[in-house]
Every structure is written in structure tokens, then in C-alpha cells.
Amino acid sequence: MKLQISTRIDDNRVRLDFRNSPGKPHYTPSYEIDKSKADEFIKEYNKQEKKLQNITTYSIGIAGLIGFLATFKKHSFKHSFIGTLAGLIAGFGIGAGISAHKKNELMDKYDVKEYSK
């Protein structure tokens, strides 16, 4: 989901919303930011989003493979399945944690706050 400038809140602040798309969740928060920083923040956020998706994908794959290899010596489908599943879940958690941390770091850098009416 890409972030874009939506409406002006006041003379100095604008509202940021995610573009409408079929994959957009029902509730997506809006954000507010200083008008002078909005374009630079959106450019950085959208550029970072693709990198973070790749990090999450790679961490899921690598952790799933590690989980499979860790249980490979058991020679049991059940152990291999459980190890792989645990690795996939751990990889998703790691990727999601890194993504959340990086996004929060960027939002703090540009003083972006969740918009509330």
C-alpha cells in the first residue's frame, strides 16, 4: 500500500492516507505531518516499503529452511512439518518486527502522528 497526501488539516499540517486498493484492510489509520516535510516523508516511506517487504519475505524463507534443517535428522514427516512451520512463523515474526521498528523510526524522524478527528 502506498501512502499519499490526502487533505489539508490546517495551514501547516496535511493528512496522509493509504491509496485505495483491493488488498487494503478495512481499517487503515490516517496520519498527519507538517506540510513542508510531507513530500520527502512519502518518498522515503514508499521507497522503504518495498525493502521491508523483501526483508520479511527473506526472513520467512530462511527461518523456514532453518526450521526444516533443524528437524531433518529426525526422519519424521511430523517433526519436519512442525520444524518448518515453527521456522515460518518465527521468520514472519522477525520480519514483521523489523518492519514495524523501521517504520516507527521513520515516523519519529519526520514527526508523523496518527490522525484523530
PDB file of N, CA and C in Angstrom:
ATOM      1  N   MET A   1       0.844  -1.176   0.000  1.00  0.00           N
ATOM      2  CA  MET A   1       0.000   0.000   0.000  1.00  0.00           C
ATOM      3  C   MET A   1       0.886   1.234   0.000  1.00  0.00           C
ATOM      4  N   LYS A   2       0.599   2.120  -0.867  1.00  0.00           N
ATOM      5  CA  LYS A   2       1.361   3.353  -0.973  1.00  0.00           C
ATOM      6  C   LYS A   2       0.672   4.455  -0.180  1.00  0.00           C
ATOM      7  N   LEU A   3       1.475   5.310   0.406  1.00  0.00           N
ATOM      8  CA  LEU A   3       0.986   6.435   1.188  1.00  0.00           C
ATOM      9  C   LEU A   3       0.914   7.653   0.279  1.00  0.00           C
ATOM     10  N   GLN A   4      -0.108   8.511   0.460  1.00  0.00           N
ATOM     11  CA  GLN A   4      -0.239   9.714  -0.349  1.00  0.00           C
ATOM     12  C   GLN A   4      -0.835  10.851   0.481  1.00  0.00           C
ATOM     13  N   ILE A   5      -0.628  12.077   0.022  1.00  0.00           N
ATOM     14  CA  ILE A   5      -1.209  13.243   0.688  1.00  0.00           C
ATOM     15  C   ILE A   5      -2.690  13.273   0.358  1.00  0.00           C
ATOM     16  N   SER A   6      -3.517  13.468   1.387  1.00  0.00           N
ATOM     17  CA  SER A   6      -4.965  13.437   1.184  1.00  0.00           C
ATOM     18  C   SER A   6      -5.561  14.845   1.246  1.00  0.00           C
ATOM     19  N   THR A   7      -5.689  15.404   2.429  1.00  0.00           N
ATOM     20  CA  THR A   7      -6.298  16.719   2.575  1.00  0.00           C
ATOM     21  C   THR A   7      -5.479  17.577   3.532  1.00  0.00           C
ATOM     22  N   ARG A   8      -5.724  18.863   3.452  1.00  0.00           N
ATOM     23  CA  ARG A   8      -5.045  19.802   4.342  1.00  0.00           C
ATOM     24  C   ARG A   8      -5.825  19.903   5.643  1.00  0.00           C
ATOM     25  N   ILE A   9      -5.125  19.787   6.764  1.00  0.00           N
ATOM     26  CA  ILE A   9      -5.765  19.875   8.078  1.00  0.00           C
ATOM     27  C   ILE A   9      -5.855  21.337   8.504  1.00  0.00           C
ATOM     28  N   ASP A  10      -4.757  22.030   8.408  1.00  0.00           N
ATOM     29  CA  ASP A  10      -4.704  23.460   8.692  1.00  0.00           C
ATOM     30  C   ASP A  10      -3.600  24.061   7.823  1.00  0.00           C
ATOM     31  N   ASP A  11      -3.169  25.258   8.139  1.00  0.00           N
ATOM     32  CA  ASP A  11      -2.162  25.922   7.302  1.00  0.00           C
ATOM     33  C   ASP A  11      -0.817  25.198   7.285  1.00  0.00           C
ATOM     34  N   ASN A  12      -0.488  24.485   8.354  1.00  0.00           N
ATOM     35  CA  ASN A  12       0.835  23.877   8.454  1.00  0.00           C
ATOM     36  C   ASN A  12       0.850  22.358   8.353  1.00  0.00           C
ATOM     37  N   ARG A  13      -0.296  21.700   8.462  1.00  0.00           N
ATOM     38  CA  ARG A  13      -0.319  20.234   8.518  1.00  0.00           C
ATOM     39  C   ARG A  13      -1.236  19.661   7.436  1.00  0.00           C
ATOM     40  N   VAL A  14      -0.844  18.479   6.946  1.00  0.00           N
ATOM     41  CA  VAL A  14      -1.658  17.764   5.965  1.00  0.00           C
ATOM     42  C   VAL A  14      -1.942  16.355   6.472  1.00  0.00           C
ATOM     43  N   ARG A  15      -2.976  15.742   5.905  1.00  0.00           N
ATOM     44  CA  ARG A  15      -3.342  14.374   6.271  1.00  0.00           C
ATOM     45  C   ARG A  15      -2.785  13.425   5.219  1.00  0.00           C
ATOM     46  N   LEU A  16      -2.255  12.295   5.684  1.00  0.00           N
ATOM     47  CA  LEU A  16      -1.724  11.258   4.802  1.00  0.00           C
ATOM     48  C   LEU A  16      -2.635  10.039   4.890  1.00  0.00           C
ATOM     49  N   ASP A  17      -2.986   9.480   3.743  1.00  0.00           N
ATOM     50  CA  ASP A  17      -3.810   8.281   3.683  1.00  0.00           C
ATOM     51  C   ASP A  17      -3.165   7.267   2.755  1.00  0.00           C
ATOM     52  N   PHE A  18      -3.531   6.003   2.926  1.00  0.00           N
ATOM     53  CA  PHE A  18      -3.074   4.966   2.013  1.00  0.00           C
ATOM     54  C   PHE A  18      -3.991   4.957   0.799  1.00  0.00           C
ATOM     55  N   ARG A  19      -3.420   4.696  -0.372  1.00  0.00           N
ATOM     56  CA  ARG A  19      -4.214   4.615  -1.598  1.00  0.00           C
ATOM     57  C   ARG A  19      -5.193   3.451  -1.500  1.00  0.00           C
ATOM     58  N   ASN A  20      -6.346   3.640  -2.108  1.00  0.00           N
ATOM     59  CA  ASN A  20      -7.328   2.552  -2.157  1.00  0.00           C
ATOM     60  C   ASN A  20      -6.815   1.459  -3.067  1.00  0.00           C
ATOM     61  N   SER A  21      -6.925   0.239  -2.609  1.00  0.00           N
ATOM     62  CA  SER A  21      -6.508  -0.913  -3.390  1.00  0.00           C
ATOM     63  C   SER A  21      -7.300  -2.123  -2.918  1.00  0.00           C
ATOM     64  N   PRO A  22      -7.358  -3.174  -3.730  1.00  0.00           N
ATOM     65  CA  PRO A  22      -8.113  -4.362  -3.311  1.00  0.00           C
ATOM     66  C   PRO A  22      -7.555  -5.019  -2.051  1.00  0.00           C
ATOM     67  N   GLY A  23      -6.258  -4.892  -1.816  1.00  0.00           N
ATOM     68  CA  GLY A  23      -5.643  -5.521  -0.650  1.00  0.00           C
ATOM     69  C   GLY A  23      -5.644  -4.653   0.590  1.00  0.00           C
ATOM     70  N   LYS A  24      -6.267  -3.488   0.530  1.00  0.00           N
ATOM     71  CA  LYS A  24      -6.266  -2.567   1.663  1.00  0.00           C
ATOM     72  C   LYS A  24      -7.213  -3.058   2.756  1.00  0.00           C
ATOM     73  N   PRO A  25      -6.724  -3.177   3.986  1.00  0.00           N
ATOM     74  CA  PRO A  25      -7.600  -3.595   5.086  1.00  0.00           C
ATOM     75  C   PRO A  25      -8.717  -2.575   5.323  1.00  0.00           C
ATOM     76  N   HIS A  26      -9.767  -3.008   6.003  1.00  0.00           N
ATOM     77  CA  HIS A  26     -10.899  -2.117   6.256  1.00  0.00           C
ATOM     78  C   HIS A  26     -10.494  -0.907   7.089  1.00  0.00           C
ATOM     79  N   TYR A  27      -9.662  -1.137   8.077  1.00  0.00           N
ATOM     80  CA  TYR A  27      -9.208  -0.017   8.909  1.00  0.00           C
ATOM     81  C   TYR A  27      -7.741   0.252   8.637  1.00  0.00           C
ATOM     82  N   THR A  28      -7.485   1.366   8.043  1.00  0.00           N
ATOM     83  CA  THR A  28      -6.101   1.820   7.904  1.00  0.00           C
ATOM     84  C   THR A  28      -6.053   3.217   8.488  1.00  0.00           C
ATOM     85  N   PRO A  29      -5.125   3.466   9.365  1.00  0.00           N
ATOM     86  CA  PRO A  29      -5.087   4.776  10.005  1.00  0.00           C
ATOM     87  C   PRO A  29      -4.642   5.860   9.028  1.00  0.00           C
ATOM     88  N   SER A  30      -5.053   7.073   9.323  1.00  0.00           N
ATOM     89  CA  SER A  30      -4.551   8.244   8.615  1.00  0.00           C
ATOM     90  C   SER A  30      -3.515   8.887   9.519  1.00  0.00           C
ATOM     91  N   TYR A  31      -2.634   9.646   8.925  1.00  0.00           N
ATOM     92  CA  TYR A  31      -1.572  10.288   9.683  1.00  0.00           C
ATOM     93  C   TYR A  31      -1.553  11.767   9.373  1.00  0.00           C
ATOM     94  N   GLU A  32      -0.934  12.539  10.254  1.00  0.00           N
ATOM     95  CA  GLU A  32      -0.753  13.961   9.993  1.00  0.00           C
ATOM     96  C   GLU A  32       0.724  14.299  10.107  1.00  0.00           C
ATOM     97  N   ILE A  33       1.133  15.254   9.260  1.00  0.00           N
ATOM     98  CA  ILE A  33       2.534  15.642   9.180  1.00  0.00           C
ATOM     99  C   ILE A  33       2.615  17.102   8.784  1.00  0.00           C
ATOM    100  N   ASP A  34       3.717  17.724   9.131  1.00  0.00           N
ATOM    101  CA  ASP A  34       3.974  19.084   8.713  1.00  0.00           C
ATOM    102  C   ASP A  34       4.022  19.136   7.189  1.00  0.00           C
ATOM    103  N   LYS A  35       3.358  20.132   6.610  1.00  0.00           N
ATOM    104  CA  LYS A  35       3.234  20.237   5.156  1.00  0.00           C
ATOM    105  C   LYS A  35       4.592  20.287   4.456  1.00  0.00           C
ATOM    106  N   SER A  36       5.572  20.923   5.065  1.00  0.00           N
ATOM    107  CA  SER A  36       6.886  21.065   4.433  1.00  0.00           C
ATOM    108  C   SER A  36       7.658  19.744   4.370  1.00  0.00           C
ATOM    109  N   LYS A  37       7.313  18.783   5.233  1.00  0.00           N
ATOM    110  CA  LYS A  37       8.018  17.508   5.263  1.00  0.00           C
ATOM    111  C   LYS A  37       7.263  16.393   4.534  1.00  0.00           C
ATOM    112  N   ALA A  38       6.042  16.637   4.101  1.00  0.00           N
ATOM    113  CA  ALA A  38       5.163  15.589   3.586  1.00  0.00           C
ATOM    114  C   ALA A  38       5.730  14.882   2.356  1.00  0.00           C
ATOM    115  N   ASP A  39       6.166  15.635   1.354  1.00  0.00           N
ATOM    116  CA  ASP A  39       6.658  15.008   0.122  1.00  0.00           C
ATOM    117  C   ASP A  39       7.888  14.144   0.366  1.00  0.00           C
ATOM    118  N   GLU A  40       8.812  14.648   1.168  1.00  0.00           N
ATOM    119  CA  GLU A  40      10.033  13.897   1.461  1.00  0.00           C
ATOM    120  C   GLU A  40       9.705  12.614   2.252  1.00  0.00           C
ATOM    121  N   PHE A  41       8.788  12.732   3.233  1.00  0.00           N
ATOM    122  CA  PHE A  41       8.411  11.565   4.020  1.00  0.00           C
ATOM    123  C   PHE A  41       7.749  10.503   3.145  1.00  0.00           C
ATOM    124  N   ILE A  42       6.817  10.905   2.290  1.00  0.00           N
ATOM    125  CA  ILE A  42       6.113   9.940   1.430  1.00  0.00           C
ATOM    126  C   ILE A  42       7.098   9.231   0.515  1.00  0.00           C
ATOM    127  N   LYS A  43       8.034   9.981  -0.031  1.00  0.00           N
ATOM    128  CA  LYS A  43       9.045   9.379  -0.911  1.00  0.00           C
ATOM    129  C   LYS A  43       9.857   8.337  -0.142  1.00  0.00           C
ATOM    130  N   GLU A  44      10.315   8.673   1.055  1.00  0.00           N
ATOM    131  CA  GLU A  44      11.099   7.739   1.878  1.00  0.00           C
ATOM    132  C   GLU A  44      10.261   6.538   2.319  1.00  0.00           C
ATOM    133  N   TYR A  45       9.034   6.778   2.737  1.00  0.00           N
ATOM    134  CA  TYR A  45       8.165   5.705   3.229  1.00  0.00           C
ATOM    135  C   TYR A  45       7.879   4.692   2.125  1.00  0.00           C
ATOM    136  N   ASN A  46       7.501   5.187   0.942  1.00  0.00           N
ATOM    137  CA  ASN A  46       7.173   4.285  -0.160  1.00  0.00           C
ATOM    138  C   ASN A  46       8.402   3.534  -0.666  1.00  0.00           C
ATOM    139  N   LYS A  47       9.574   4.172  -0.628  1.00  0.00           N
ATOM    140  CA  LYS A  47      10.813   3.503  -1.033  1.00  0.00           C
ATOM    141  C   LYS A  47      11.168   2.411  -0.015  1.00  0.00           C
ATOM    142  N   GLN A  48      11.001   2.720   1.251  1.00  0.00           N
ATOM    143  CA  GLN A  48      11.326   1.784   2.325  1.00  0.00           C
ATOM    144  C   GLN A  48      10.366   0.594   2.336  1.00  0.00           C
ATOM    145  N   GLU A  49       9.112   0.805   1.926  1.00  0.00           N
ATOM    146  CA  GLU A  49       8.104  -0.253   1.981  1.00  0.00           C
ATOM    147  C   GLU A  49       8.520  -1.477   1.164  1.00  0.00           C
ATOM    148  N   LYS A  50       9.051  -1.287  -0.032  1.00  0.00           N
ATOM    149  CA  LYS A  50       9.465  -2.401  -0.879  1.00  0.00           C
ATOM    150  C   LYS A  50      10.623  -3.161  -0.230  1.00  0.00           C
ATOM    151  N   LYS A  51      11.577  -2.442   0.339  1.00  0.00           N
ATOM    152  CA  LYS A  51      12.708  -3.090   1.010  1.00  0.00           C
ATOM    153  C   LYS A  51      12.230  -3.935   2.190  1.00  0.00           C
ATOM    154  N   LEU A  52      11.290  -3.400   2.959  1.00  0.00           N
ATOM    155  CA  LEU A  52      10.797  -4.114   4.132  1.00  0.00           C
ATOM    156  C   LEU A  52       9.995  -5.358   3.749  1.00  0.00           C
ATOM    157  N   GLN A  53       9.280  -5.297   2.637  1.00  0.00           N
ATOM    158  CA  GLN A  53       8.583  -6.492   2.157  1.00  0.00           C
ATOM    159  C   GLN A  53       9.594  -7.578   1.794  1.00  0.00           C
ATOM    160  N   ASN A  54      10.684  -7.185   1.155  1.00  0.00           N
ATOM    161  CA  ASN A  54      11.730  -8.147   0.801  1.00  0.00           C
ATOM    162  C   ASN A  54      12.376  -8.746   2.043  1.00  0.00           C
ATOM    163  N   ILE A  55      12.649  -7.916   3.047  1.00  0.00           N
ATOM    164  CA  ILE A  55      13.250  -8.408   4.285  1.00  0.00           C
ATOM    165  C   ILE A  55      12.330  -9.444   4.938  1.00  0.00           C
ATOM    166  N   THR A  56      11.038  -9.152   4.990  1.00  0.00           N
ATOM    167  CA  THR A  56      10.088 -10.083   5.593  1.00  0.00           C
ATOM    168  C   THR A  56      10.033 -11.393   4.800  1.00  0.00           C
ATOM    169  N   THR A  57       9.983 -11.287   3.490  1.00  0.00           N
ATOM    170  CA  THR A  57       9.940 -12.486   2.643  1.00  0.00           C
ATOM    171  C   THR A  57      11.182 -13.341   2.844  1.00  0.00           C
ATOM    172  N   TYR A  58      12.345 -12.722   2.830  1.00  0.00           N
ATOM    173  CA  TYR A  58      13.591 -13.470   3.007  1.00  0.00           C
ATOM    174  C   TYR A  58      13.691 -14.085   4.401  1.00  0.00           C
ATOM    175  N   SER A  59      13.259 -13.336   5.416  1.00  0.00           N
ATOM    176  CA  SER A  59      13.350 -13.887   6.772  1.00  0.00           C
ATOM    177  C   SER A  59      12.405 -15.080   6.940  1.00  0.00           C
ATOM    178  N   ILE A  60      11.236 -15.041   6.312  1.00  0.00           N
ATOM    179  CA  ILE A  60      10.321 -16.182   6.372  1.00  0.00           C
ATOM    180  C   ILE A  60      10.956 -17.393   5.699  1.00  0.00           C
ATOM    181  N   GLY A  61      11.518 -17.178   4.514  1.00  0.00           N
ATOM    182  CA  GLY A  61      12.138 -18.286   3.785  1.00  0.00           C
ATOM    183  C   GLY A  61      13.328 -18.880   4.497  1.00  0.00           C
ATOM    184  N   ILE A  62      14.208 -18.037   4.983  1.00  0.00           N
ATOM    185  CA  ILE A  62      15.418 -18.515   5.660  1.00  0.00           C
ATOM    186  C   ILE A  62      15.067 -19.227   6.964  1.00  0.00           C
ATOM    187  N   ALA A  63      14.176 -18.632   7.760  1.00  0.00           N
ATOM    188  CA  ALA A  63      13.802 -19.265   9.036  1.00  0.00           C
ATOM    189  C   ALA A  63      13.050 -20.578   8.796  1.00  0.00           C
ATOM    190  N   GLY A  64      12.224 -20.639   7.748  1.00  0.00           N
ATOM    191  CA  GLY A  64      11.542 -21.890   7.417  1.00  0.00           C
ATOM    192  C   GLY A  64      12.523 -22.978   7.036  1.00  0.00           C
ATOM    193  N   LEU A  65      13.543 -22.607   6.258  1.00  0.00           N
ATOM    194  CA  LEU A  65      14.579 -23.556   5.864  1.00  0.00           C
ATOM    195  C   LEU A  65      15.387 -24.020   7.077  1.00  0.00           C
ATOM    196  N   ILE A  66      15.713 -23.096   7.960  1.00  0.00           N
ATOM    197  CA  ILE A  66      16.446 -23.457   9.181  1.00  0.00           C
ATOM    198  C   ILE A  66      15.597 -24.405  10.043  1.00  0.00           C
ATOM    199  N   GLY A  67      14.298 -24.106  10.147  1.00  0.00           N
ATOM    200  CA  GLY A  67      13.416 -24.986  10.910  1.00  0.00           C
ATOM    201  C   GLY A  67      13.346 -26.382  10.315  1.00  0.00           C
ATOM    202  N   PHE A  68      13.310 -26.465   8.989  1.00  0.00           N
ATOM    203  CA  PHE A  68      13.288 -27.766   8.320  1.00  0.00           C
ATOM    204  C   PHE A  68      14.600 -28.516   8.539  1.00  0.00           C
ATOM    205  N   LEU A  69      15.718 -27.807   8.347  1.00  0.00           N
ATOM    206  CA  LEU A  69      17.021 -28.458   8.501  1.00  0.00           C
ATOM    207  C   LEU A  69      17.285 -28.891   9.941  1.00  0.00           C
ATOM    208  N   ALA A  70      16.764 -28.134  10.903  1.00  0.00           N
ATOM    209  CA  ALA A  70      16.967 -28.482  12.309  1.00  0.00           C
ATOM    210  C   ALA A  70      16.275 -29.788  12.671  1.00  0.00           C
ATOM    211  N   THR A  71      15.206 -30.110  11.991  1.00  0.00           N
ATOM    212  CA  THR A  71      14.473 -31.346  12.302  1.00  0.00           C
ATOM    213  C   THR A  71      14.714 -32.441  11.274  1.00  0.00           C
ATOM    214  N   PHE A  72      15.591 -32.196  10.325  1.00  0.00           N
ATOM    215  CA  PHE A  72      15.821 -33.135   9.225  1.00  0.00           C
ATOM    216  C   PHE A  72      16.342 -34.479   9.714  1.00  0.00           C
ATOM    217  N   LYS A  73      17.167 -34.497  10.742  1.00  0.00           N
ATOM    218  CA  LYS A  73      17.757 -35.750  11.227  1.00  0.00           C
ATOM    219  C   LYS A  73      16.743 -36.672  11.896  1.00  0.00           C
ATOM    220  N   LYS A  74      15.601 -36.137  12.263  1.00  0.00           N
ATOM    221  CA  LYS A  74      14.572 -36.952  12.923  1.00  0.00           C
ATOM    222  C   LYS A  74      13.947 -37.949  11.943  1.00  0.00           C
ATOM    223  N   HIS A  75      14.058 -37.706  10.653  1.00  0.00           N
ATOM    224  CA  HIS A  75      13.499 -38.565   9.601  1.00  0.00           C
ATOM    225  C   HIS A  75      12.007 -38.814   9.794  1.00  0.00           C
ATOM    226  N   SER A  76      11.341 -37.832  10.286  1.00  0.00           N
ATOM    227  CA  SER A  76       9.911 -37.959  10.506  1.00  0.00           C
ATOM    228  C   SER A  76       9.220 -36.780   9.820  1.00  0.00           C
ATOM    229  N   PHE A  77       8.181 -37.081   9.074  1.00  0.00           N
ATOM    230  CA  PHE A  77       7.426 -36.033   8.401  1.00  0.00           C
ATOM    231  C   PHE A  77       6.829 -35.077   9.427  1.00  0.00           C
ATOM    232  N   LYS A  78       6.342 -35.624  10.519  1.00  0.00           N
ATOM    233  CA  LYS A  78       5.720 -34.817  11.566  1.00  0.00           C
ATOM    234  C   LYS A  78       6.722 -33.808  12.135  1.00  0.00           C
ATOM    235  N   HIS A  79       7.927 -34.256  12.473  1.00  0.00           N
ATOM    236  CA  HIS A  79       8.939 -33.354  13.024  1.00  0.00           C
ATOM    237  C   HIS A  79       9.370 -32.315  11.991  1.00  0.00           C
ATOM    238  N   SER A  80       9.543 -32.747  10.759  1.00  0.00           N
ATOM    239  CA  SER A  80       9.941 -31.808   9.705  1.00  0.00           C
ATOM    240  C   SER A  80       8.861 -30.758   9.474  1.00  0.00           C
ATOM    241  N   PHE A  81       7.608 -31.193   9.472  1.00  0.00           N
ATOM    242  CA  PHE A  81       6.499 -30.263   9.272  1.00  0.00           C
ATOM    243  C   PHE A  81       6.428 -29.246  10.406  1.00  0.00           C
ATOM    244  N   ILE A  82       6.519 -29.736  11.624  1.00  0.00           N
ATOM    245  CA  ILE A  82       6.443 -28.838  12.787  1.00  0.00           C
ATOM    246  C   ILE A  82       7.631 -27.884  12.809  1.00  0.00           C
ATOM    247  N   GLY A  83       8.819 -28.378  12.511  1.00  0.00           N
ATOM    248  CA  GLY A  83      10.004 -27.520  12.486  1.00  0.00           C
ATOM    249  C   GLY A  83       9.917 -26.455  11.412  1.00  0.00           C
ATOM    250  N   THR A  84       9.436 -26.859  10.234  1.00  0.00           N
ATOM    251  CA  THR A  84       9.287 -25.894   9.147  1.00  0.00           C
ATOM    252  C   THR A  84       8.237 -24.850   9.490  1.00  0.00           C
ATOM    253  N   LEU A  85       7.121 -25.295  10.017  1.00  0.00           N
ATOM    254  CA  LEU A  85       6.051 -24.374  10.401  1.00  0.00           C
ATOM    255  C   LEU A  85       6.528 -23.401  11.481  1.00  0.00           C
ATOM    256  N   ALA A  86       7.227 -23.910  12.463  1.00  0.00           N
ATOM    257  CA  ALA A  86       7.762 -23.040  13.526  1.00  0.00           C
ATOM    258  C   ALA A  86       8.750 -22.029  12.938  1.00  0.00           C
ATOM    259  N   GLY A  87       9.581 -22.467  11.997  1.00  0.00           N
ATOM    260  CA  GLY A  87      10.521 -21.559  11.349  1.00  0.00           C
ATOM    261  C   GLY A  87       9.816 -20.487  10.547  1.00  0.00           C
ATOM    262  N   LEU A  88       8.762 -20.862   9.824  1.00  0.00           N
ATOM    263  CA  LEU A  88       7.998 -19.876   9.049  1.00  0.00           C
ATOM    264  C   LEU A  88       7.351 -18.840   9.958  1.00  0.00           C
ATOM    265  N   ILE A  89       6.779 -19.303  11.044  1.00  0.00           N
ATOM    266  CA  ILE A  89       6.147 -18.380  11.992  1.00  0.00           C
ATOM    267  C   ILE A  89       7.188 -17.459  12.623  1.00  0.00           C
ATOM    268  N   ALA A  90       8.315 -18.023  13.011  1.00  0.00           N
ATOM    269  CA  ALA A  90       9.384 -17.204  13.596  1.00  0.00           C
ATOM    270  C   ALA A  90       9.910 -16.193  12.571  1.00  0.00           C
ATOM    271  N   GLY A  91      10.074 -16.630  11.331  1.00  0.00           N
ATOM    272  CA  GLY A  91      10.552 -15.724  10.281  1.00  0.00           C
ATOM    273  C   GLY A  91       9.585 -14.587  10.034  1.00  0.00           C
ATOM    274  N   PHE A  92       8.293 -14.902  10.040  1.00  0.00           N
ATOM    275  CA  PHE A  92       7.297 -13.846   9.873  1.00  0.00           C
ATOM    276  C   PHE A  92       7.358 -12.860  11.031  1.00  0.00           C
ATOM    277  N   GLY A  93       7.491 -13.373  12.244  1.00  0.00           N
ATOM    278  CA  GLY A  93       7.593 -12.501  13.416  1.00  0.00           C
ATOM    279  C   GLY A  93       8.816 -11.603  13.372  1.00  0.00           C
ATOM    280  N   ILE A  94       9.934 -12.178  12.963  1.00  0.00           N
ATOM    281  CA  ILE A  94      11.175 -11.389  12.845  1.00  0.00           C
ATOM    282  C   ILE A  94      11.009 -10.314  11.785  1.00  0.00           C
ATOM    283  N   GLY A  95      10.503 -10.690  10.610  1.00  0.00           N
ATOM    284  CA  GLY A  95      10.316  -9.724   9.527  1.00  0.00           C
ATOM    285  C   GLY A  95       9.338  -8.621   9.897  1.00  0.00           C
ATOM    286  N   ALA A  96       8.238  -8.991  10.535  1.00  0.00           N
ATOM    287  CA  ALA A  96       7.242  -8.009  10.953  1.00  0.00           C
ATOM    288  C   ALA A  96       7.818  -7.069  12.017  1.00  0.00           C
ATOM    289  N   GLY A  97       8.610  -7.619  12.920  1.00  0.00           N
ATOM    290  CA  GLY A  97       9.234  -6.787  13.957  1.00  0.00           C
ATOM    291  C   GLY A  97      10.208  -5.773  13.374  1.00  0.00           C
ATOM    292  N   ILE A  98      11.028  -6.218  12.431  1.00  0.00           N
ATOM    293  CA  ILE A  98      11.977  -5.307  11.779  1.00  0.00           C
ATOM    294  C   ILE A  98      11.220  -4.233  11.025  1.00  0.00           C
ATOM    295  N   SER A  99      10.181  -4.616  10.290  1.00  0.00           N
ATOM    296  CA  SER A  99       9.391  -3.658   9.522  1.00  0.00           C
ATOM    297  C   SER A  99       8.745  -2.614  10.426  1.00  0.00           C
ATOM    298  N   ALA A 100       8.137  -3.063  11.510  1.00  0.00           N
ATOM    299  CA  ALA A 100       7.490  -2.134  12.436  1.00  0.00           C
ATOM    300  C   ALA A 100       8.505  -1.171  13.041  1.00  0.00           C
ATOM    301  N   HIS A 101       9.666  -1.684  13.419  1.00  0.00           N
ATOM    302  CA  HIS A 101      10.701  -0.841  14.008  1.00  0.00           C
ATOM    303  C   HIS A 101      11.169   0.223  13.007  1.00  0.00           C
ATOM    304  N   LYS A 102      11.432  -0.180  11.772  1.00  0.00           N
ATOM    305  CA  LYS A 102      11.922   0.765  10.760  1.00  0.00           C
ATOM    306  C   LYS A 102      10.870   1.818  10.415  1.00  0.00           C
ATOM    307  N   LYS A 103       9.608   1.406  10.311  1.00  0.00           N
ATOM    308  CA  LYS A 103       8.542   2.366  10.012  1.00  0.00           C
ATOM    309  C   LYS A 103       8.361   3.355  11.159  1.00  0.00           C
ATOM    310  N   ASN A 104       8.403   2.862  12.395  1.00  0.00           N
ATOM    311  CA  ASN A 104       8.278   3.756  13.548  1.00  0.00           C
ATOM    312  C   ASN A 104       9.449   4.729  13.626  1.00  0.00           C
ATOM    313  N   GLU A 105      10.630   4.231  13.302  1.00  0.00           N
ATOM    314  CA  GLU A 105      11.822   5.081  13.294  1.00  0.00           C
ATOM    315  C   GLU A 105      11.666   6.217  12.278  1.00  0.00           C
ATOM    316  N   LEU A 106      11.174   5.890  11.088  1.00  0.00           N
ATOM    317  CA  LEU A 106      10.965   6.898  10.044  1.00  0.00           C
ATOM    318  C   LEU A 106       9.882   7.890  10.454  1.00  0.00           C
ATOM    319  N   MET A 107       8.816   7.396  11.081  1.00  0.00           N
ATOM    320  CA  MET A 107       7.737   8.287  11.509  1.00  0.00           C
ATOM    321  C   MET A 107       8.197   9.225  12.626  1.00  0.00           C
ATOM    322  N   ASP A 108       9.048   8.736  13.502  1.00  0.00           N
ATOM    323  CA  ASP A 108       9.594   9.596  14.555  1.00  0.00           C
ATOM    324  C   ASP A 108      10.518  10.655  13.961  1.00  0.00           C
ATOM    325  N   LYS A 109      11.307  10.277  12.976  1.00  0.00           N
ATOM    326  CA  LYS A 109      12.244  11.204  12.333  1.00  0.00           C
ATOM    327  C   LYS A 109      11.508  12.392  11.709  1.00  0.00           C
ATOM    328  N   TYR A 110      10.338  12.130  11.098  1.00  0.00           N
ATOM    329  CA  TYR A 110       9.574  13.187  10.425  1.00  0.00           C
ATOM    330  C   TYR A 110       8.422  13.714  11.273  1.00  0.00           C
ATOM    331  N   ASP A 111       8.337  13.312  12.535  1.00  0.00           N
ATOM    332  CA  ASP A 111       7.302  13.772  13.460  1.00  0.00           C
ATOM    333  C   ASP A 111       5.885  13.532  12.899  1.00  0.00           C
ATOM    334  N   VAL A 112       5.636  12.301  12.468  1.00  0.00           N
ATOM    335  CA  VAL A 112       4.338  11.917  11.934  1.00  0.00           C
ATOM    336  C   VAL A 112       3.513  11.347  13.080  1.00  0.00           C
ATOM    337  N   LYS A 113       2.269  11.802  13.169  1.00  0.00           N
ATOM    338  CA  LYS A 113       1.384  11.339  14.229  1.00  0.00           C
ATOM    339  C   LYS A 113       0.122  10.758  13.585  1.00  0.00           C
ATOM    340  N   GLU A 114      -0.507   9.802  14.305  1.00  0.00           N
ATOM    341  CA  GLU A 114      -1.764   9.255  13.810  1.00  0.00           C
ATOM    342  C   GLU A 114      -2.819  10.343  13.890  1.00  0.00           C
ATOM    343  N   TYR A 115      -3.599  10.470  12.818  1.00  0.00           N
ATOM    344  CA  TYR A 115      -4.621  11.499  12.730  1.00  0.00           C
ATOM    345  C   TYR A 115      -5.862  11.071  13.494  1.00  0.00           C
ATOM    346  N   SER A 116      -6.335  11.928  14.374  1.00  0.00           N
ATOM    347  CA  SER A 116      -7.584  11.668  15.071  1.00  0.00           C
ATOM    348  C   SER A 116      -8.412  12.942  15.005  1.00  0.00           C
ATOM    349  N   LYS A 117      -9.666  12.763  14.699  1.00  0.00           N
ATOM    350  CA  LYS A 117     -10.562  13.928  14.495  1.00  0.00           C
ATOM    351  C   LYS A 117     -10.877  14.615  15.774  1.00  0.00           C
TER     352      LYS A 117
END
